[in-house]
Amino acid sequence: MLVRRSILTGVVAVLFGVASVFSTNTAQADEYIGGWQKDYPVVSYGVISVETAVDTLKSQQKFVDYASKELGVKFKLFTAAEYAGIVN
């Protein structure tokens, strides 16, 4: 009984693996990202300062550089003292 269940589990796993290989669609980078960059060429990224504004900008700059490179849009980094300054 235990051997039969193990074999059945293995067969089902293989079938799901084969099905997933044939069902995946390969997409180019532009298709994956979605082409929204034309509509939003600049993304404003606001951060609430818990340190000095200069330290906050320094600590977030690596993320902004990475996100800009990966998403293909320019990021504008700014700081605010409270939440209302971020959403406005």
PDB file of N, CA and C in Angstrom:
ATOM      1  N   MET A   1       0.826  -1.191   0.000  1.00  0.00           N
ATOM      2  CA  MET A   1       0.000   0.000   0.000  1.00  0.00           C
ATOM      3  C   MET A   1       0.872   1.257   0.000  1.00  0.00           C
ATOM      4  N   LEU A   2       1.889   1.284   0.851  1.00  0.00           N
ATOM      5  CA  LEU A   2       2.769   2.442   0.940  1.00  0.00           C
ATOM      6  C   LEU A   2       3.586   2.609  -0.340  1.00  0.00           C
ATOM      7  N   VAL A   3       4.019   1.491  -0.932  1.00  0.00           N
ATOM      8  CA  VAL A   3       4.793   1.550  -2.171  1.00  0.00           C
ATOM      9  C   VAL A   3       3.910   2.060  -3.303  1.00  0.00           C
ATOM     10  N   ARG A   4       2.691   1.601  -3.370  1.00  0.00           N
ATOM     11  CA  ARG A   4       1.763   2.024  -4.416  1.00  0.00           C
ATOM     12  C   ARG A   4       1.489   3.529  -4.308  1.00  0.00           C
ATOM     13  N   ARG A   5       1.316   4.013  -3.092  1.00  0.00           N
ATOM     14  CA  ARG A   5       1.065   5.440  -2.882  1.00  0.00           C
ATOM     15  C   ARG A   5       2.293   6.262  -3.288  1.00  0.00           C
ATOM     16  N   SER A   6       3.485   5.775  -2.984  1.00  0.00           N
ATOM     17  CA  SER A   6       4.707   6.486  -3.361  1.00  0.00           C
ATOM     18  C   SER A   6       4.862   6.553  -4.875  1.00  0.00           C
ATOM     19  N   ILE A   7       4.569   5.457  -5.541  1.00  0.00           N
ATOM     20  CA  ILE A   7       4.660   5.428  -7.003  1.00  0.00           C
ATOM     21  C   ILE A   7       3.634   6.378  -7.611  1.00  0.00           C
ATOM     22  N   LEU A   8       2.420   6.355  -7.095  1.00  0.00           N
ATOM     23  CA  LEU A   8       1.372   7.237  -7.600  1.00  0.00           C
ATOM     24  C   LEU A   8       1.740   8.709  -7.386  1.00  0.00           C
ATOM     25  N   THR A   9       2.294   9.016  -6.240  1.00  0.00           N
ATOM     26  CA  THR A   9       2.724  10.390  -5.964  1.00  0.00           C
ATOM     27  C   THR A   9       3.820  10.815  -6.935  1.00  0.00           C
ATOM     28  N   GLY A  10       4.766   9.937  -7.208  1.00  0.00           N
ATOM     29  CA  GLY A  10       5.836  10.236  -8.153  1.00  0.00           C
ATOM     30  C   GLY A  10       5.314  10.462  -9.560  1.00  0.00           C
ATOM     31  N   VAL A  11       4.369   9.637  -9.993  1.00  0.00           N
ATOM     32  CA  VAL A  11       3.793   9.776 -11.333  1.00  0.00           C
ATOM     33  C   VAL A  11       3.045  11.105 -11.457  1.00  0.00           C
ATOM     34  N   VAL A  12       2.277  11.444 -10.441  1.00  0.00           N
ATOM     35  CA  VAL A  12       1.537  12.707 -10.469  1.00  0.00           C
ATOM     36  C   VAL A  12       2.501  13.889 -10.503  1.00  0.00           C
ATOM     37  N   ALA A  13       3.576  13.822  -9.738  1.00  0.00           N
ATOM     38  CA  ALA A  13       4.561  14.904  -9.729  1.00  0.00           C
ATOM     39  C   ALA A  13       5.207  15.066 -11.099  1.00  0.00           C
ATOM     40  N   VAL A  14       5.541  13.968 -11.745  1.00  0.00           N
ATOM     41  CA  VAL A  14       6.143  14.021 -13.080  1.00  0.00           C
ATOM     42  C   VAL A  14       5.155  14.610 -14.082  1.00  0.00           C
ATOM     43  N   LEU A  15       3.898  14.212 -14.003  1.00  0.00           N
ATOM     44  CA  LEU A  15       2.891  14.742 -14.925  1.00  0.00           C
ATOM     45  C   LEU A  15       2.703  16.251 -14.745  1.00  0.00           C
ATOM     46  N   PHE A  16       2.674  16.708 -13.500  1.00  0.00           N
ATOM     47  CA  PHE A  16       2.570  18.146 -13.268  1.00  0.00           C
ATOM     48  C   PHE A  16       3.806  18.877 -13.781  1.00  0.00           C
ATOM     49  N   GLY A  17       4.970  18.278 -13.611  1.00  0.00           N
ATOM     50  CA  GLY A  17       6.195  18.892 -14.111  1.00  0.00           C
ATOM     51  C   GLY A  17       6.196  19.012 -15.623  1.00  0.00           C
ATOM     52  N   VAL A  18       5.786  17.956 -16.309  1.00  0.00           N
ATOM     53  CA  VAL A  18       5.723  17.980 -17.772  1.00  0.00           C
ATOM     54  C   VAL A  18       4.688  19.002 -18.237  1.00  0.00           C
ATOM     55  N   ALA A  19       3.547  19.041 -17.580  1.00  0.00           N
ATOM     56  CA  ALA A  19       2.502  19.997 -17.961  1.00  0.00           C
ATOM     57  C   ALA A  19       2.969  21.430 -17.764  1.00  0.00           C
ATOM     58  N   SER A  20       3.706  21.685 -16.702  1.00  0.00           N
ATOM     59  CA  SER A  20       4.164  23.057 -16.462  1.00  0.00           C
ATOM     60  C   SER A  20       5.214  23.483 -17.474  1.00  0.00           C
ATOM     61  N   VAL A  21       6.035  22.553 -17.938  1.00  0.00           N
ATOM     62  CA  VAL A  21       7.045  22.887 -18.944  1.00  0.00           C
ATOM     63  C   VAL A  21       6.380  23.287 -20.252  1.00  0.00           C
ATOM     64  N   PHE A  22       5.340  22.577 -20.640  1.00  0.00           N
ATOM     65  CA  PHE A  22       4.686  22.875 -21.906  1.00  0.00           C
ATOM     66  C   PHE A  22       3.717  24.050 -21.831  1.00  0.00           C
ATOM     67  N   SER A  23       3.331  24.449 -20.641  1.00  0.00           N
ATOM     68  CA  SER A  23       2.352  25.528 -20.529  1.00  0.00           C
ATOM     69  C   SER A  23       2.976  26.898 -20.301  1.00  0.00           C
ATOM     70  N   THR A  24       4.275  26.975 -20.081  1.00  0.00           N
ATOM     71  CA  THR A  24       4.893  28.279 -19.829  1.00  0.00           C
ATOM     72  C   THR A  24       5.085  29.029 -21.133  1.00  0.00           C
ATOM     73  N   ASN A  25       4.834  30.307 -21.085  1.00  0.00           N
ATOM     74  CA  ASN A  25       5.070  31.179 -22.229  1.00  0.00           C
ATOM     75  C   ASN A  25       6.325  31.979 -21.945  1.00  0.00           C
ATOM     76  N   THR A  26       7.231  31.987 -22.893  1.00  0.00           N
ATOM     77  CA  THR A  26       8.431  32.787 -22.710  1.00  0.00           C
ATOM     78  C   THR A  26       8.132  34.201 -23.176  1.00  0.00           C
ATOM     79  N   ALA A  27       8.534  35.175 -22.390  1.00  0.00           N
ATOM     80  CA  ALA A  27       8.266  36.576 -22.709  1.00  0.00           C
ATOM     81  C   ALA A  27       9.575  37.342 -22.758  1.00  0.00           C
ATOM     82  N   GLN A  28       9.621  38.288 -23.643  1.00  0.00           N
ATOM     83  CA  GLN A  28      10.773  39.171 -23.710  1.00  0.00           C
ATOM     84  C   GLN A  28      10.707  40.153 -22.549  1.00  0.00           C
ATOM     85  N   ALA A  29      11.790  40.831 -22.281  1.00  0.00           N
ATOM     86  CA  ALA A  29      11.842  41.753 -21.142  1.00  0.00           C
ATOM     87  C   ALA A  29      10.801  42.861 -21.265  1.00  0.00           C
ATOM     88  N   ASP A  30      10.613  43.406 -22.466  1.00  0.00           N
ATOM     89  CA  ASP A  30       9.632  44.480 -22.641  1.00  0.00           C
ATOM     90  C   ASP A  30       8.211  43.994 -22.386  1.00  0.00           C
ATOM     91  N   GLU A  31       7.916  42.770 -22.800  1.00  0.00           N
ATOM     92  CA  GLU A  31       6.584  42.220 -22.565  1.00  0.00           C
ATOM     93  C   GLU A  31       6.377  41.946 -21.085  1.00  0.00           C
ATOM     94  N   TYR A  32       7.411  41.477 -20.418  1.00  0.00           N
ATOM     95  CA  TYR A  32       7.300  41.158 -18.996  1.00  0.00           C
ATOM     96  C   TYR A  32       7.029  42.411 -18.178  1.00  0.00           C
ATOM     97  N   ILE A  33       7.736  43.462 -18.478  1.00  0.00           N
ATOM     98  CA  ILE A  33       7.567  44.697 -17.727  1.00  0.00           C
ATOM     99  C   ILE A  33       6.222  45.330 -18.054  1.00  0.00           C
ATOM    100  N   GLY A  34       5.746  45.187 -19.255  1.00  0.00           N
ATOM    101  CA  GLY A  34       4.403  45.630 -19.576  1.00  0.00           C
ATOM    102  C   GLY A  34       4.291  46.880 -20.427  1.00  0.00           C
ATOM    103  N   GLY A  35       5.363  47.581 -20.693  1.00  0.00           N
ATOM    104  CA  GLY A  35       5.308  48.758 -21.542  1.00  0.00           C
ATOM    105  C   GLY A  35       4.710  49.991 -20.886  1.00  0.00           C
ATOM    106  N   TRP A  36       4.581  50.004 -19.595  1.00  0.00           N
ATOM    107  CA  TRP A  36       4.001  51.147 -18.883  1.00  0.00           C
ATOM    108  C   TRP A  36       4.964  52.310 -18.774  1.00  0.00           C
ATOM    109  N   GLN A  37       6.219  52.087 -19.113  1.00  0.00           N
ATOM    110  CA  GLN A  37       7.237  53.124 -18.971  1.00  0.00           C
ATOM    111  C   GLN A  37       6.948  54.342 -19.847  1.00  0.00           C
ATOM    112  N   LYS A  38       6.265  54.142 -20.973  1.00  0.00           N
ATOM    113  CA  LYS A  38       5.933  55.277 -21.833  1.00  0.00           C
ATOM    114  C   LYS A  38       4.955  56.222 -21.138  1.00  0.00           C
ATOM    115  N   ASP A  39       4.054  55.665 -20.359  1.00  0.00           N
ATOM    116  CA  ASP A  39       3.058  56.481 -19.661  1.00  0.00           C
ATOM    117  C   ASP A  39       3.620  57.146 -18.408  1.00  0.00           C
ATOM    118  N   TYR A  40       4.588  56.499 -17.777  1.00  0.00           N
ATOM    119  CA  TYR A  40       5.163  57.003 -16.525  1.00  0.00           C
ATOM    120  C   TYR A  40       6.691  57.013 -16.616  1.00  0.00           C
ATOM    121  N   PRO A  41       7.274  57.983 -17.314  1.00  0.00           N
ATOM    122  CA  PRO A  41       8.729  57.986 -17.485  1.00  0.00           C
ATOM    123  C   PRO A  41       9.499  58.332 -16.212  1.00  0.00           C
ATOM    124  N   VAL A  42       8.831  58.975 -15.238  1.00  0.00           N
ATOM    125  CA  VAL A  42       9.478  59.331 -13.976  1.00  0.00           C
ATOM    126  C   VAL A  42       8.592  58.861 -12.831  1.00  0.00           C
ATOM    127  N   VAL A  43       9.200  58.160 -11.877  1.00  0.00           N
ATOM    128  CA  VAL A  43       8.493  57.694 -10.689  1.00  0.00           C
ATOM    129  C   VAL A  43       9.023  58.476  -9.497  1.00  0.00           C
ATOM    130  N   SER A  44       8.138  59.126  -8.771  1.00  0.00           N
ATOM    131  CA  SER A  44       8.536  59.844  -7.556  1.00  0.00           C
ATOM    132  C   SER A  44       8.512  58.870  -6.391  1.00  0.00           C
ATOM    133  N   TYR A  45       9.625  58.772  -5.690  1.00  0.00           N
ATOM    134  CA  TYR A  45       9.770  57.833  -4.577  1.00  0.00           C
ATOM    135  C   TYR A  45      10.056  58.636  -3.319  1.00  0.00           C
ATOM    136  N   GLY A  46       9.066  58.720  -2.440  1.00  0.00           N
ATOM    137  CA  GLY A  46       9.212  59.504  -1.226  1.00  0.00           C
ATOM    138  C   GLY A  46       9.508  58.645  -0.019  1.00  0.00           C
ATOM    139  N   VAL A  47      10.347  59.171   0.860  1.00  0.00           N
ATOM    140  CA  VAL A  47      10.764  58.457   2.063  1.00  0.00           C
ATOM    141  C   VAL A  47      10.579  59.381   3.262  1.00  0.00           C
ATOM    142  N   ILE A  48      10.017  58.843   4.337  1.00  0.00           N
ATOM    143  CA  ILE A  48       9.895  59.605   5.575  1.00  0.00           C
ATOM    144  C   ILE A  48      11.228  59.535   6.302  1.00  0.00           C
ATOM    145  N   SER A  49      11.780  60.676   6.650  1.00  0.00           N
ATOM    146  CA  SER A  49      13.092  60.732   7.293  1.00  0.00           C
ATOM    147  C   SER A  49      12.993  60.318   8.751  1.00  0.00           C
ATOM    148  N   VAL A  50      13.749  59.306   9.116  1.00  0.00           N
ATOM    149  CA  VAL A  50      13.899  58.960  10.529  1.00  0.00           C
ATOM    150  C   VAL A  50      15.288  59.364  11.004  1.00  0.00           C
ATOM    151  N   GLU A  51      16.153  59.621  10.051  1.00  0.00           N
ATOM    152  CA  GLU A  51      17.495  60.127  10.319  1.00  0.00           C
ATOM    153  C   GLU A  51      17.516  61.551   9.775  1.00  0.00           C
ATOM    154  N   THR A  52      18.678  62.072   9.526  1.00  0.00           N
ATOM    155  CA  THR A  52      18.726  63.356   8.830  1.00  0.00           C
ATOM    156  C   THR A  52      18.368  63.113   7.368  1.00  0.00           C
ATOM    157  N   ALA A  53      17.918  64.131   6.688  1.00  0.00           N
ATOM    158  CA  ALA A  53      17.507  63.981   5.294  1.00  0.00           C
ATOM    159  C   ALA A  53      18.665  63.501   4.423  1.00  0.00           C
ATOM    160  N   VAL A  54      19.861  63.977   4.700  1.00  0.00           N
ATOM    161  CA  VAL A  54      21.034  63.578   3.919  1.00  0.00           C
ATOM    162  C   VAL A  54      21.317  62.089   4.101  1.00  0.00           C
ATOM    163  N   ASP A  55      21.258  61.597   5.342  1.00  0.00           N
ATOM    164  CA  ASP A  55      21.500  60.178   5.600  1.00  0.00           C
ATOM    165  C   ASP A  55      20.426  59.306   4.958  1.00  0.00           C
ATOM    166  N   THR A  56      19.188  59.766   4.993  1.00  0.00           N
ATOM    167  CA  THR A  56      18.102  59.013   4.374  1.00  0.00           C
ATOM    168  C   THR A  56      18.303  58.926   2.871  1.00  0.00           C
ATOM    169  N   LEU A  57      18.669  60.022   2.247  1.00  0.00           N
ATOM    170  CA  LEU A  57      18.913  60.009   0.805  1.00  0.00           C
ATOM    171  C   LEU A  57      20.061  59.077   0.447  1.00  0.00           C
ATOM    172  N   LYS A  58      21.121  59.096   1.239  1.00  0.00           N
ATOM    173  CA  LYS A  58      22.258  58.200   0.990  1.00  0.00           C
ATOM    174  C   LYS A  58      21.842  56.740   1.102  1.00  0.00           C
ATOM    175  N   SER A  59      21.069  56.420   2.131  1.00  0.00           N
ATOM    176  CA  SER A  59      20.701  55.020   2.355  1.00  0.00           C
ATOM    177  C   SER A  59      19.708  54.506   1.317  1.00  0.00           C
ATOM    178  N   GLN A  60      18.905  55.371   0.735  1.00  0.00           N
ATOM    179  CA  GLN A  60      17.917  54.944  -0.256  1.00  0.00           C
ATOM    180  C   GLN A  60      18.431  55.022  -1.692  1.00  0.00           C
ATOM    181  N   GLN A  61      19.571  55.631  -1.910  1.00  0.00           N
ATOM    182  CA  GLN A  61      20.066  55.838  -3.263  1.00  0.00           C
ATOM    183  C   GLN A  61      20.365  54.525  -3.982  1.00  0.00           C
ATOM    184  N   LYS A  62      20.860  53.512  -3.280  1.00  0.00           N
ATOM    185  CA  LYS A  62      21.143  52.223  -3.923  1.00  0.00           C
ATOM    186  C   LYS A  62      19.862  51.597  -4.453  1.00  0.00           C
ATOM    187  N   PHE A  63      18.779  51.681  -3.659  1.00  0.00           N
ATOM    188  CA  PHE A  63      17.501  51.146  -4.123  1.00  0.00           C
ATOM    189  C   PHE A  63      17.013  51.896  -5.356  1.00  0.00           C
ATOM    190  N   VAL A  64      17.115  53.210  -5.328  1.00  0.00           N
ATOM    191  CA  VAL A  64      16.654  54.021  -6.452  1.00  0.00           C
ATOM    192  C   VAL A  64      17.446  53.681  -7.711  1.00  0.00           C
ATOM    193  N   ASP A  65      18.750  53.528  -7.591  1.00  0.00           N
ATOM    194  CA  ASP A  65      19.581  53.163  -8.740  1.00  0.00           C
ATOM    195  C   ASP A  65      19.187  51.799  -9.287  1.00  0.00           C
ATOM    196  N   TYR A  66      18.991  50.831  -8.395  1.00  0.00           N
ATOM    197  CA  TYR A  66      18.619  49.483  -8.810  1.00  0.00           C
ATOM    198  C   TYR A  66      17.240  49.469  -9.468  1.00  0.00           C
ATOM    199  N   ALA A  67      16.267  50.105  -8.843  1.00  0.00           N
ATOM    200  CA  ALA A  67      14.906  50.114  -9.383  1.00  0.00           C
ATOM    201  C   ALA A  67      14.860  50.827 -10.729  1.00  0.00           C
ATOM    202  N   SER A  68      15.605  51.896 -10.861  1.00  0.00           N
ATOM    203  CA  SER A  68      15.646  52.629 -12.118  1.00  0.00           C
ATOM    204  C   SER A  68      16.216  51.767 -13.235  1.00  0.00           C
ATOM    205  N   LYS A  69      17.271  51.034 -12.925  1.00  0.00           N
ATOM    206  CA  LYS A  69      17.893  50.158 -13.917  1.00  0.00           C
ATOM    207  C   LYS A  69      16.965  49.008 -14.295  1.00  0.00           C
ATOM    208  N   GLU A  70      16.360  48.375 -13.316  1.00  0.00           N
ATOM    209  CA  GLU A  70      15.517  47.210 -13.571  1.00  0.00           C
ATOM    210  C   GLU A  70      14.196  47.563 -14.247  1.00  0.00           C
ATOM    211  N   LEU A  71      13.610  48.690 -13.893  1.00  0.00           N
ATOM    212  CA  LEU A  71      12.298  49.044 -14.422  1.00  0.00           C
ATOM    213  C   LEU A  71      12.362  49.917 -15.668  1.00  0.00           C
ATOM    214  N   GLY A  72      13.512  50.508 -15.931  1.00  0.00           N
ATOM    215  CA  GLY A  72      13.671  51.298 -17.142  1.00  0.00           C
ATOM    216  C   GLY A  72      13.038  52.676 -17.083  1.00  0.00           C
ATOM    217  N   VAL A  73      12.867  53.214 -15.903  1.00  0.00           N
ATOM    218  CA  VAL A  73      12.336  54.571 -15.742  1.00  0.00           C
ATOM    219  C   VAL A  73      13.222  55.335 -14.765  1.00  0.00           C
ATOM    220  N   LYS A  74      13.117  56.652 -14.808  1.00  0.00           N
ATOM    221  CA  LYS A  74      13.885  57.477 -13.885  1.00  0.00           C
ATOM    222  C   LYS A  74      13.119  57.598 -12.571  1.00  0.00           C
ATOM    223  N   PHE A  75      13.825  57.510 -11.460  1.00  0.00           N
ATOM    224  CA  PHE A  75      13.232  57.678 -10.137  1.00  0.00           C
ATOM    225  C   PHE A  75      13.653  59.018  -9.565  1.00  0.00           C
ATOM    226  N   LYS A  76      12.693  59.738  -8.999  1.00  0.00           N
ATOM    227  CA  LYS A  76      12.970  61.004  -8.317  1.00  0.00           C
ATOM    228  C   LYS A  76      12.804  60.746  -6.825  1.00  0.00           C
ATOM    229  N   LEU A  77      13.892  60.802  -6.088  1.00  0.00           N
ATOM    230  CA  LEU A  77      13.894  60.510  -4.651  1.00  0.00           C
ATOM    231  C   LEU A  77      13.718  61.797  -3.861  1.00  0.00           C
ATOM    232  N   PHE A  78      12.786  61.784  -2.902  1.00  0.00           N
ATOM    233  CA  PHE A  78      12.603  62.943  -2.034  1.00  0.00           C
ATOM    234  C   PHE A  78      12.256  62.480  -0.631  1.00  0.00           C
ATOM    235  N   THR A  79      12.456  63.362   0.331  1.00  0.00           N
ATOM    236  CA  THR A  79      12.146  63.045   1.726  1.00  0.00           C
ATOM    237  C   THR A  79      11.054  63.972   2.235  1.00  0.00           C
ATOM    238  N   ALA A  80      10.390  63.511   3.278  1.00  0.00           N
ATOM    239  CA  ALA A  80       9.368  64.324   3.940  1.00  0.00           C
ATOM    240  C   ALA A  80       9.413  64.014   5.425  1.00  0.00           C
ATOM    241  N   ALA A  81       8.908  64.927   6.218  1.00  0.00           N
ATOM    242  CA  ALA A  81       8.923  64.752   7.673  1.00  0.00           C
ATOM    243  C   ALA A  81       7.788  63.862   8.152  1.00  0.00           C
ATOM    244  N   GLU A  82       6.696  63.787   7.374  1.00  0.00           N
ATOM    245  CA  GLU A  82       5.547  62.988   7.794  1.00  0.00           C
ATOM    246  C   GLU A  82       4.849  62.402   6.568  1.00  0.00           C
ATOM    247  N   TYR A  83       3.891  61.531   6.825  1.00  0.00           N
ATOM    248  CA  TYR A  83       3.193  60.800   5.773  1.00  0.00           C
ATOM    249  C   TYR A  83       2.508  61.732   4.775  1.00  0.00           C
ATOM    250  N   ALA A  84       1.918  62.798   5.244  1.00  0.00           N
ATOM    251  CA  ALA A  84       1.210  63.729   4.358  1.00  0.00           C
ATOM    252  C   ALA A  84       2.143  64.315   3.302  1.00  0.00           C
ATOM    253  N   GLY A  85       3.391  64.479   3.623  1.00  0.00           N
ATOM    254  CA  GLY A  85       4.352  64.997   2.658  1.00  0.00           C
ATOM    255  C   GLY A  85       4.701  64.003   1.573  1.00  0.00           C
ATOM    256  N   ILE A  86       4.501  62.736   1.835  1.00  0.00           N
ATOM    257  CA  ILE A  86       4.789  61.697   0.844  1.00  0.00           C
ATOM    258  C   ILE A  86       3.647  61.573  -0.155  1.00  0.00           C
ATOM    259  N   VAL A  87       2.417  61.596   0.307  1.00  0.00           N
ATOM    260  CA  VAL A  87       1.276  61.340  -0.571  1.00  0.00           C
ATOM    261  C   VAL A  87       0.841  62.566  -1.361  1.00  0.00           C
ATOM    262  N   ASN A  88       1.295  63.731  -1.024  1.00  0.00           N
ATOM    263  CA  ASN A  88       0.894  64.938  -1.768  1.00  0.00           C
ATOM    264  C   ASN A  88       1.785  65.203  -2.932  1.00  0.00           C
TER     265      ASN A  88
END
